[in-house]
Protein backbone atom coordinates (compact mmCIF):
# COMPACT_ATOMS: atom_id res chain seq x y z
CA MET A 1 -15.05 13.87 9.80
CA LYS A 2 -11.68 15.59 10.10
CA LYS A 3 -12.12 15.75 14.03
CA GLN A 4 -11.68 12.20 14.12
CA LEU A 5 -8.25 12.49 12.67
CA ILE A 6 -7.26 15.60 14.36
CA ALA A 7 -8.26 14.24 17.73
CA LEU A 8 -5.45 11.55 17.11
CA MET A 9 -2.75 14.19 16.54
CA MET A 10 -0.53 16.20 18.70
CA ALA A 11 -1.79 19.89 18.86
CA ALA A 12 1.81 21.07 17.63
CA ALA A 13 2.38 20.94 13.99
CA MET A 14 5.39 18.85 13.04
CA VAL A 15 8.57 20.65 12.34
CA ILE A 16 11.35 18.44 10.49
CA PRO A 17 14.77 20.04 10.90
CA ALA A 18 16.13 21.29 7.54
CA ALA A 19 19.65 19.94 6.48
CA SER A 20 21.87 22.59 4.90
CA VAL A 21 22.95 22.33 1.05
CA SER A 22 26.08 23.72 -0.38
CA ALA A 23 25.71 26.73 -2.66
CA GLU A 24 27.76 24.57 -5.31
CA GLU A 25 25.51 22.25 -7.49
CA THR A 26 24.61 19.01 -6.27
CA THR A 27 23.81 16.04 -8.28
CA LEU A 28 21.09 13.75 -6.97
CA THR A 29 20.41 10.26 -8.21
CA ILE A 30 16.91 8.73 -8.35
CA TRP A 31 15.49 5.51 -9.63
CA ASP A 32 11.70 4.92 -9.93
CA TRP A 33 9.17 2.97 -12.07
CA ASP A 34 6.59 5.72 -12.13
CA GLU A 35 8.11 7.68 -15.05
CA ALA A 36 5.23 10.43 -14.97
CA HIS A 37 5.52 11.19 -11.40
CA LEU A 38 9.45 10.99 -11.47
CA THR A 39 9.78 13.30 -14.44
CA HIS A 40 7.29 15.83 -13.24
CA MET A 41 8.41 16.25 -9.78
CA THR A 42 11.95 16.19 -10.52
CA GLU A 43 11.63 19.03 -13.00
CA TRP A 44 9.19 20.84 -10.59
CA TYR A 45 11.87 20.50 -7.72
CA MET A 46 14.76 21.69 -9.91
CA GLU A 47 13.05 24.85 -11.17
CA ARG A 48 12.72 25.90 -7.52
CA HIS A 49 16.11 24.79 -6.72
CA PRO A 50 18.57 25.76 -9.30
CA ASP A 51 21.60 24.51 -7.33
CA VAL A 52 20.35 20.89 -7.63
CA LYS A 53 20.52 18.78 -10.48
CA ILE A 54 18.65 15.49 -10.54
CA GLU A 55 19.49 12.61 -12.74
CA THR A 56 16.82 9.96 -13.10
CA LEU A 57 16.59 6.51 -14.28
CA VAL A 58 13.27 4.60 -14.93
CA VAL A 59 13.61 1.10 -13.34
CA ALA A 60 10.81 -1.52 -13.11
CA ALA A 61 9.70 -2.54 -10.07
CA THR A 62 10.22 -6.19 -10.65
CA ASP A 63 13.90 -5.37 -11.61
CA TYR A 64 14.62 -2.86 -8.94
CA MET A 65 15.83 -4.93 -5.88
CA GLN A 66 18.35 -6.89 -8.03
CA LYS A 67 19.70 -3.81 -9.85
CA PHE A 68 20.04 -2.04 -6.47
CA GLN A 69 21.80 -5.22 -4.89
CA SER A 70 24.35 -5.19 -7.97
CA ALA A 71 25.04 -1.62 -7.57
CA VAL A 72 25.75 -1.86 -3.84
CA ALA A 73 27.92 -4.85 -4.44
CA SER A 74 30.00 -2.93 -6.93
CA GLY A 75 30.32 -0.04 -5.00
CA SER A 76 29.02 2.26 -7.82
CA GLY A 77 26.14 3.64 -9.33
CA VAL A 78 23.87 3.41 -6.32
CA PRO A 79 20.95 6.04 -6.11
CA ASP A 80 20.97 8.62 -3.58
CA ILE A 81 17.27 8.24 -2.92
CA VAL A 82 16.23 4.77 -2.62
CA LEU A 83 12.72 3.22 -3.12
CA ALA A 84 11.51 -0.07 -1.61
CA GLU A 85 8.22 -1.66 -2.94
CA MET A 86 6.56 -3.71 -0.49
CA GLY A 87 7.27 -6.77 -2.16
CA TYR A 88 11.16 -6.62 -1.33
CA ARG A 89 10.92 -3.87 1.32
CA GLY A 90 12.05 -6.06 4.18
CA ARG A 91 14.86 -7.68 2.26
CA LEU A 92 16.49 -4.00 1.32
CA PHE A 93 16.01 -2.86 4.87
CA ASP A 94 17.86 -5.81 6.07
CA MET A 95 20.92 -4.97 3.86
CA GLY A 96 21.98 -2.14 6.32
CA VAL A 97 22.67 0.53 3.79
CA LEU A 98 19.89 3.05 4.45
CA GLU A 99 20.02 6.10 6.68
CA ASP A 100 18.02 5.90 10.14
CA LEU A 101 15.78 8.96 9.45
CA SER A 102 14.91 8.75 13.21
CA GLN A 103 18.40 9.83 14.11
CA GLU A 104 20.09 13.29 13.66
CA PRO A 105 20.11 15.13 11.30
CA TYR A 106 16.60 13.74 10.16
CA SER A 107 14.95 13.33 13.41
CA VAL A 108 11.58 12.19 12.15
CA LYS A 109 9.35 11.42 15.06
CA SER A 110 7.10 8.66 14.89
CA GLU A 111 4.22 10.35 16.14
CA ASP A 112 4.19 12.94 13.21
CA MET A 113 3.29 10.06 10.80
CA PHE A 114 0.29 7.54 10.76
CA ASP A 115 0.99 4.57 12.91
CA PHE A 116 0.97 2.16 9.83
CA ALA A 117 3.24 4.37 8.00
CA THR A 118 5.79 4.29 10.93
CA THR A 119 5.66 0.63 11.13
CA LEU A 120 5.95 -0.08 7.39
CA GLY A 121 9.15 2.25 7.39
CA SER A 122 10.76 0.75 10.46
CA GLY A 123 13.54 -1.76 10.91
CA PRO A 124 13.54 -4.60 13.79
CA ASN A 125 15.00 -2.42 16.33
CA GLY A 126 13.01 0.90 15.90
CA GLU A 127 15.19 2.26 13.07
CA LEU A 128 13.43 4.51 10.49
CA TYR A 129 14.57 3.44 7.03
CA GLY A 130 12.03 5.16 4.95
CA VAL A 131 8.75 7.31 4.59
CA GLU A 132 6.00 6.45 2.28
CA GLN A 133 6.20 7.48 -1.24
CA GLN A 134 2.26 7.63 -0.79
CA ILE A 135 -0.04 5.98 1.79
CA CYS A 136 -1.68 2.55 1.23
CA PRO A 137 -4.45 2.27 3.74
CA SER A 138 -7.14 0.50 1.80
CA GLY A 139 -10.79 0.12 1.57
CA PHE A 140 -12.90 -1.52 -1.17
CA ALA A 141 -13.47 -0.13 -4.70
CA TYR A 142 -16.91 -1.02 -5.91
CA ARG A 143 -18.95 -0.95 -9.11
CA ARG A 144 -21.91 1.38 -8.39
CA ASP A 145 -24.16 -0.25 -11.05
CA LEU A 146 -23.46 -3.62 -9.47
CA ALA A 147 -24.09 -2.17 -5.97
CA LYS A 148 -27.42 -0.68 -6.81
CA GLU A 149 -28.53 -4.01 -8.64
CA TYR A 150 -27.41 -6.36 -5.79
CA LEU A 151 -27.44 -4.41 -2.67
CA GLY A 152 -30.09 -1.78 -3.42
CA THR A 153 -27.55 1.23 -2.75
CA ASP A 154 -24.54 2.81 -4.03
CA ASP A 155 -24.11 4.84 -1.07
CA PRO A 156 -20.61 4.17 0.43
CA ASP A 157 -21.66 4.58 4.14
CA GLU A 158 -24.83 2.41 3.67
CA ILE A 159 -22.73 -0.39 1.90
CA ALA A 160 -19.97 -0.04 4.67
CA GLU A 161 -22.68 -0.78 7.37
CA MET A 162 -23.92 -3.72 5.14
CA ILE A 163 -20.39 -5.37 5.11
CA SER A 164 -19.17 -4.07 8.63
CA ASP A 165 -17.96 -7.47 9.71
CA TRP A 166 -16.87 -10.82 7.74
CA ASP A 167 -20.00 -12.51 8.59
CA LYS A 168 -22.19 -9.95 6.91
CA LEU A 169 -19.85 -9.81 3.96
CA PHE A 170 -20.13 -13.55 3.58
CA ASP A 171 -24.12 -13.21 3.67
CA ILE A 172 -23.83 -10.39 1.02
CA GLY A 173 -21.62 -12.86 -1.07
CA GLN A 174 -24.20 -15.48 -1.10
CA GLN A 175 -26.79 -13.06 -2.23
CA VAL A 176 -24.98 -11.74 -4.97
CA ILE A 177 -24.12 -15.27 -6.33
CA GLU A 178 -27.80 -16.26 -6.15
CA LYS A 179 -29.31 -13.04 -7.76
CA SER A 180 -26.68 -13.21 -10.55
CA GLY A 181 -26.93 -16.81 -11.04
CA GLY A 182 -23.11 -17.14 -10.29
CA ALA A 183 -22.39 -14.58 -12.98
CA VAL A 184 -21.07 -11.70 -10.57
CA THR A 185 -18.79 -12.50 -7.38
CA ILE A 186 -17.88 -10.24 -4.45
CA PHE A 187 -14.13 -10.62 -4.97
CA PRO A 188 -12.19 -11.62 -7.94
CA GLY A 189 -10.47 -14.55 -6.56
CA VAL A 190 -8.55 -16.33 -3.73
CA THR A 191 -5.33 -14.28 -4.24
CA VAL A 192 -7.01 -11.29 -4.10
CA LEU A 193 -8.92 -11.98 -0.98
CA LYS A 194 -5.41 -13.32 0.34
CA ASP A 195 -4.07 -9.83 0.00
CA ILE A 196 -6.70 -8.37 1.72
CA LEU A 197 -6.78 -10.54 4.81
CA ILE A 198 -3.07 -10.87 5.36
CA ASN A 199 -2.65 -7.39 5.97
CA ARG A 200 -5.11 -7.29 8.89
CA ASN A 201 -4.73 -8.31 12.51
CA VAL A 202 -1.00 -7.78 12.06
CA SER A 203 1.65 -8.96 14.51
CA ASP A 204 5.29 -9.38 14.74
CA TYR A 205 5.37 -13.32 14.10
CA ILE A 206 8.86 -13.33 12.71
CA ASN A 207 11.44 -13.14 15.17
CA GLY A 208 14.98 -13.65 13.39
CA ASP A 209 14.56 -17.08 11.77
CA GLU A 210 11.67 -18.09 14.12
CA ILE A 211 8.36 -17.77 11.98
CA ASP A 212 5.11 -18.44 13.71
CA LEU A 213 2.81 -19.32 10.81
CA THR A 214 0.18 -20.96 13.05
CA SER A 215 -0.69 -18.06 15.09
CA ARG A 216 -0.29 -15.35 12.39
CA TYR A 217 -2.38 -17.15 9.41
CA THR A 218 -4.62 -19.78 10.73
CA GLY A 219 -7.44 -17.11 11.14
CA VAL A 220 -6.68 -15.92 7.55
CA LEU A 221 -6.85 -19.23 5.91
CA GLU A 222 -10.00 -20.29 7.89
CA THR A 223 -11.61 -17.22 6.33
CA ILE A 224 -10.34 -17.86 2.89
CA THR A 225 -11.66 -21.50 3.10
CA LYS A 226 -14.99 -20.28 4.32
CA PHE A 227 -15.42 -17.87 1.27
CA ASN A 228 -13.77 -20.35 -1.28
CA GLN A 229 -15.55 -23.40 -0.30
CA ALA A 230 -18.96 -21.57 -0.64
CA GLY A 231 -18.18 -20.68 -4.37
CA LEU A 232 -18.26 -16.99 -3.53
CA LEU A 233 -15.02 -15.96 -5.30
CA GLY A 234 -13.92 -15.91 -8.86
CA LYS A 235 -11.21 -17.44 -10.45
CA GLN A 236 -9.04 -14.45 -11.44
CA GLU A 237 -5.56 -14.48 -10.09
CA ASP A 238 -3.65 -11.39 -8.97
CA GLY A 239 -1.31 -9.78 -11.45
CA THR A 240 -3.12 -11.57 -14.57
CA PRO A 241 -4.79 -10.20 -17.83
CA ALA A 242 -7.96 -11.99 -16.37
CA LEU A 243 -8.00 -9.72 -13.36
CA ALA A 244 -7.24 -6.69 -15.24
CA ASN A 245 -10.04 -7.40 -17.65
CA SER A 246 -12.51 -7.97 -14.80
CA TYR A 247 -12.66 -4.43 -13.76
CA ALA A 248 -14.50 -3.43 -16.90
CA ALA A 249 -16.28 -6.53 -17.53
CA GLY A 250 -18.78 -5.94 -14.78
CA GLU A 251 -18.36 -9.35 -13.22
CA VAL A 252 -16.90 -8.41 -9.61
CA LEU A 253 -18.34 -6.27 -6.94
CA PHE A 254 -15.20 -5.27 -4.75
CA TYR A 255 -11.58 -4.71 -5.30
CA PRO A 256 -9.02 -3.86 -2.63
CA CYS A 257 -8.38 -0.26 -3.13
CA ALA A 258 -5.54 2.15 -1.79
CA PRO A 259 -4.83 5.53 -3.05
CA TRP A 260 -2.21 4.12 -5.64
CA SER A 261 -5.07 1.79 -6.84
CA LEU A 262 -7.21 4.69 -8.22
CA LYS A 263 -4.71 5.18 -11.23
CA TRP A 264 -3.01 1.64 -11.50
CA GLY A 265 -5.97 -0.50 -10.59
CA ILE A 266 -9.41 1.18 -11.42
CA THR A 267 -8.95 3.96 -14.09
CA THR A 268 -6.28 2.05 -16.04
CA ASN A 269 -8.46 -1.03 -16.45
CA ASP A 270 -11.77 0.62 -16.70
CA PRO A 271 -11.02 3.64 -18.86
CA ASP A 272 -14.83 4.22 -19.69
CA GLY A 273 -16.00 3.78 -16.07
CA SER A 274 -15.76 7.17 -14.94
CA GLY A 275 -18.67 7.88 -12.48
CA ASN A 276 -19.38 4.15 -11.94
CA TRP A 277 -17.06 3.67 -8.94
CA GLY A 278 -17.23 4.27 -5.17
CA LEU A 279 -15.15 3.66 -2.15
CA THR A 280 -16.05 2.06 0.88
CA LYS A 281 -14.62 0.82 4.10
CA ALA A 282 -13.64 -2.67 4.42
CA PRO A 283 -15.21 -4.90 7.30
CA GLU A 284 -13.79 -4.01 10.70
CA ASN A 285 -10.62 -2.03 10.02
CA GLY A 286 -8.53 -0.56 7.12
CA PHE A 287 -5.56 -2.73 5.68
CA THR A 288 -2.57 -1.68 3.93
CA TYR A 289 -2.21 -2.82 0.18
CA GLY A 290 1.03 -2.31 -1.45
CA GLY A 291 3.20 0.64 -0.90
CA THR A 292 6.61 1.96 -1.39
CA SER A 293 8.76 3.57 0.99
CA VAL A 294 11.55 6.38 0.32
CA GLY A 295 14.92 6.36 1.91
CA ILE A 296 18.48 7.57 1.72
CA TYR A 297 21.53 5.47 0.71
CA SER A 298 23.95 5.52 3.55
CA GLY A 299 26.90 5.63 1.31
CA SER A 300 25.43 8.68 -0.55
CA GLU A 301 27.63 11.87 -0.54
CA ASN A 302 24.68 13.90 -0.87
CA LYS A 303 22.56 13.00 2.17
CA ASP A 304 21.48 16.60 3.10
CA ALA A 305 20.19 17.37 -0.41
CA ALA A 306 18.56 13.98 -0.71
CA TRP A 307 16.68 14.69 2.65
CA GLU A 308 15.74 18.14 1.56
CA TYR A 309 14.27 16.51 -1.71
CA ILE A 310 12.43 13.97 0.39
CA GLN A 311 10.97 16.43 2.88
CA GLU A 312 9.73 18.81 -0.10
CA VAL A 313 8.24 15.96 -2.03
CA TYR A 314 7.19 13.32 0.29
CA CYS A 315 6.71 14.59 3.81
CA THR A 316 5.22 18.21 4.28
CA GLY A 317 6.70 20.49 1.70
CA GLU A 318 4.90 22.31 -1.11
CA GLY A 319 5.84 19.39 -3.29
CA VAL A 320 3.26 17.34 -1.47
CA GLU A 321 0.42 19.37 -2.65
CA GLU A 322 1.76 19.47 -6.09
CA ALA A 323 2.02 15.46 -6.14
CA TYR A 324 -1.27 15.39 -4.90
CA LYS A 325 -2.96 17.72 -7.52
CA GLN A 326 -0.98 16.27 -10.49
CA PHE A 327 -1.24 12.36 -9.26
CA GLY A 328 -3.24 11.91 -6.40
CA PHE A 329 -0.41 11.06 -4.04
CA MET A 330 -1.01 11.27 -0.27
CA THR A 331 1.73 11.80 2.14
CA GLY A 332 2.15 9.57 5.33
CA PHE A 333 2.67 12.62 7.67
CA LYS A 334 -0.26 14.08 9.55
CA ALA A 335 0.34 17.70 9.26
CA PRO A 336 -0.89 18.38 5.83
CA TYR A 337 -4.41 17.02 6.98
CA GLU A 338 -4.52 18.79 10.22
CA ASP A 339 -6.53 21.81 9.10
CA GLU A 340 -9.96 20.65 8.03
CA ASN A 341 -9.79 23.23 5.32
CA SER A 342 -6.68 21.71 3.71
CA TYR A 343 -6.56 21.39 -0.05
CA PHE A 344 -6.78 17.59 0.47
CA PHE A 345 -10.40 17.98 1.73
CA THR A 346 -11.39 21.14 -0.19
CA GLU A 347 -10.20 20.80 -3.47
CA GLU A 348 -11.27 18.14 -6.03
CA GLY A 349 -8.81 15.16 -6.38
CA GLN A 350 -7.64 13.61 -9.39
CA TYR A 351 -10.04 10.75 -9.37
CA ASP A 352 -13.02 12.28 -7.45
CA GLU A 353 -15.00 12.61 -10.46
CA PHE A 354 -14.21 9.02 -11.59
CA PHE A 355 -15.72 7.90 -8.55
CA GLY A 356 -18.96 9.76 -8.64
CA GLY A 357 -17.79 12.70 -7.23
CA GLN A 358 -16.68 11.08 -3.70
CA ASN A 359 -14.15 13.06 -1.84
CA LEU A 360 -11.58 10.35 -1.89
CA ALA A 361 -8.98 11.88 0.22
CA ASP A 362 -11.44 12.69 2.87
CA TYR A 363 -12.73 9.10 2.83
CA PHE A 364 -9.29 7.59 2.92
CA ILE A 365 -7.88 9.58 5.70
CA ASN A 366 -10.81 10.10 8.12
CA LYS A 367 -12.59 6.57 7.76
CA ILE A 368 -9.68 4.31 6.58
CA ALA A 369 -6.25 5.44 7.52
CA ILE A 370 -7.25 6.20 11.37
CA THR A 371 -8.06 2.42 11.63
CA THR A 372 -5.17 0.94 9.64
CA GLU A 373 -2.21 -0.89 11.24
CA GLY A 374 1.06 -1.91 9.33
CA GLN A 375 2.89 -5.18 9.20
CA ARG A 376 6.58 -4.72 10.27
CA GLN A 377 8.68 -5.73 7.19
CA THR A 378 11.59 -8.02 7.93
CA LYS A 379 14.02 -10.18 5.53
CA HIS A 380 11.69 -13.06 5.53
CA GLU A 381 8.19 -11.40 4.88
CA SER A 382 8.58 -11.32 1.13
CA ASN A 383 9.22 -15.12 1.13
CA VAL A 384 6.26 -15.84 3.44
CA ARG A 385 3.94 -13.73 1.02
CA THR A 386 5.16 -15.61 -2.10
CA ALA A 387 4.34 -18.69 -0.12
CA LEU A 388 1.07 -17.42 0.72
CA THR A 389 0.36 -16.64 -3.05
CA ASN A 390 1.54 -20.11 -4.14
CA VAL A 391 -1.10 -21.81 -1.57
CA ALA A 392 -3.79 -19.34 -2.63
CA THR A 393 -3.40 -20.52 -6.29
CA GLN A 394 -3.58 -24.15 -4.86
CA MET A 395 -6.95 -23.09 -3.26
CA THR A 396 -8.20 -21.69 -6.43
CA ALA A 397 -7.55 -24.80 -8.13
CA ASN A 398 -9.02 -27.19 -5.12
CA THR A 399 -11.99 -25.36 -3.70
CA GLU A 400 -12.36 -28.28 -1.25
CA MET A 401 -8.82 -27.58 0.40
CA THR A 402 -9.52 -27.19 4.17
CA ALA A 403 -7.91 -24.50 6.34
CA GLU A 404 -5.65 -27.23 7.93
CA GLU A 405 -4.27 -28.49 4.81
CA ALA A 406 -3.63 -24.87 3.49
CA LEU A 407 -1.60 -24.29 6.96
CA GLU A 408 0.49 -27.25 6.32
CA ALA A 409 1.12 -26.32 2.76
CA LEU A 410 1.99 -22.84 3.62
CA LYS A 411 4.48 -24.42 6.30
CA THR A 412 5.93 -26.60 3.47
CA GLU A 413 6.24 -23.74 1.17
CA VAL A 414 7.97 -21.39 3.50
CA GLN A 415 10.47 -24.13 4.57
CA THR A 416 11.30 -24.48 0.90
CA LEU A 417 11.86 -20.85 0.43
CA ILE A 418 13.89 -20.60 3.89
CA PRO A 419 15.40 -23.62 4.59
CA ASN A 420 17.01 -22.46 7.91
CA ALA A 421 13.56 -21.17 9.21
CA VAL A 422 12.27 -22.53 12.47
CA ILE A 423 8.28 -22.77 11.56
CA LYS A 424 5.76 -23.15 13.81
């Protein structure tokens, strides 16, 4: 399996130029919402770098962007290392306050990262504003008990073949509904299926204030409509207690699953489900799901030290191994995966046992990441995604809504959120 990945890489291992840090003590500031990772990794780093002190602040992901904007506007208290969650990444990139990591002294090369990671971290003109905190290529997590009952197998490769395209998955969805009498569905609901589909078949459909919704989302809405009108989806909406409860309830077969989902989606919501979960590929290609970038504030007085920390913890340093073993974090840089005997592939991961002993890192890297593309993030992307969620909610309430009606509703929603947009 590893040969698939290795064949895509350059023969030479990546070398990131090191920046020099003053012998005097340097204080770095980092904001993050994952307190466990933040605390552990900063303490781990300071033990190895006694000349660096790191001040941390736990900020909820939903509050991060507003707090960051306020700090930039006031000109004080801005963190040296900046996180950008997918929901607001494009807007933060558009602020023009992050270092371009493709330029000296950082000189990160796009070929050293997975293609989707490069795209997700890039600005409109090829700038690289961030590296991935942990990669977000996604497949489907599935309940093994339901897979055995309704598919006749819980083997991830066999299931991947059974749902290798969307027509096959539609047929499987009908079978599950019929066999369960409607008690089990293949996906939780319209908003979750939307999250999957909008991150496939990506394109640069936003050009400044021109937004081509027709070419980008017609196919997405047609697929959603097909599944929705056939009654193959549940009624749980993304981000709700009902969705969280469904993991343990045994009423949904498939959930989108990126590496971060192992903790925040599966194990958190089904704590007694160890051994009853598996990971398989989505139809056709992988897709990105969520994700957070890590960059450097351009006004920081500690850029060299910030870059050394990022290299060590998020790129190719020893901190990458520590973060993987402690939290299951997986870097977006290829070098740590080049050796088929890498710890990623030979040592048991944090959640492998929970997933029935499946080697999750191997599966994510060699069967999903290599076919995953990323959607370039712009200042308007988050508004478009908010509009898509609003339309998906409407489709949940109205299973008769057609794809054409959904597209017109999407255009209306986007125009409301972005009044100056030119929409096609």
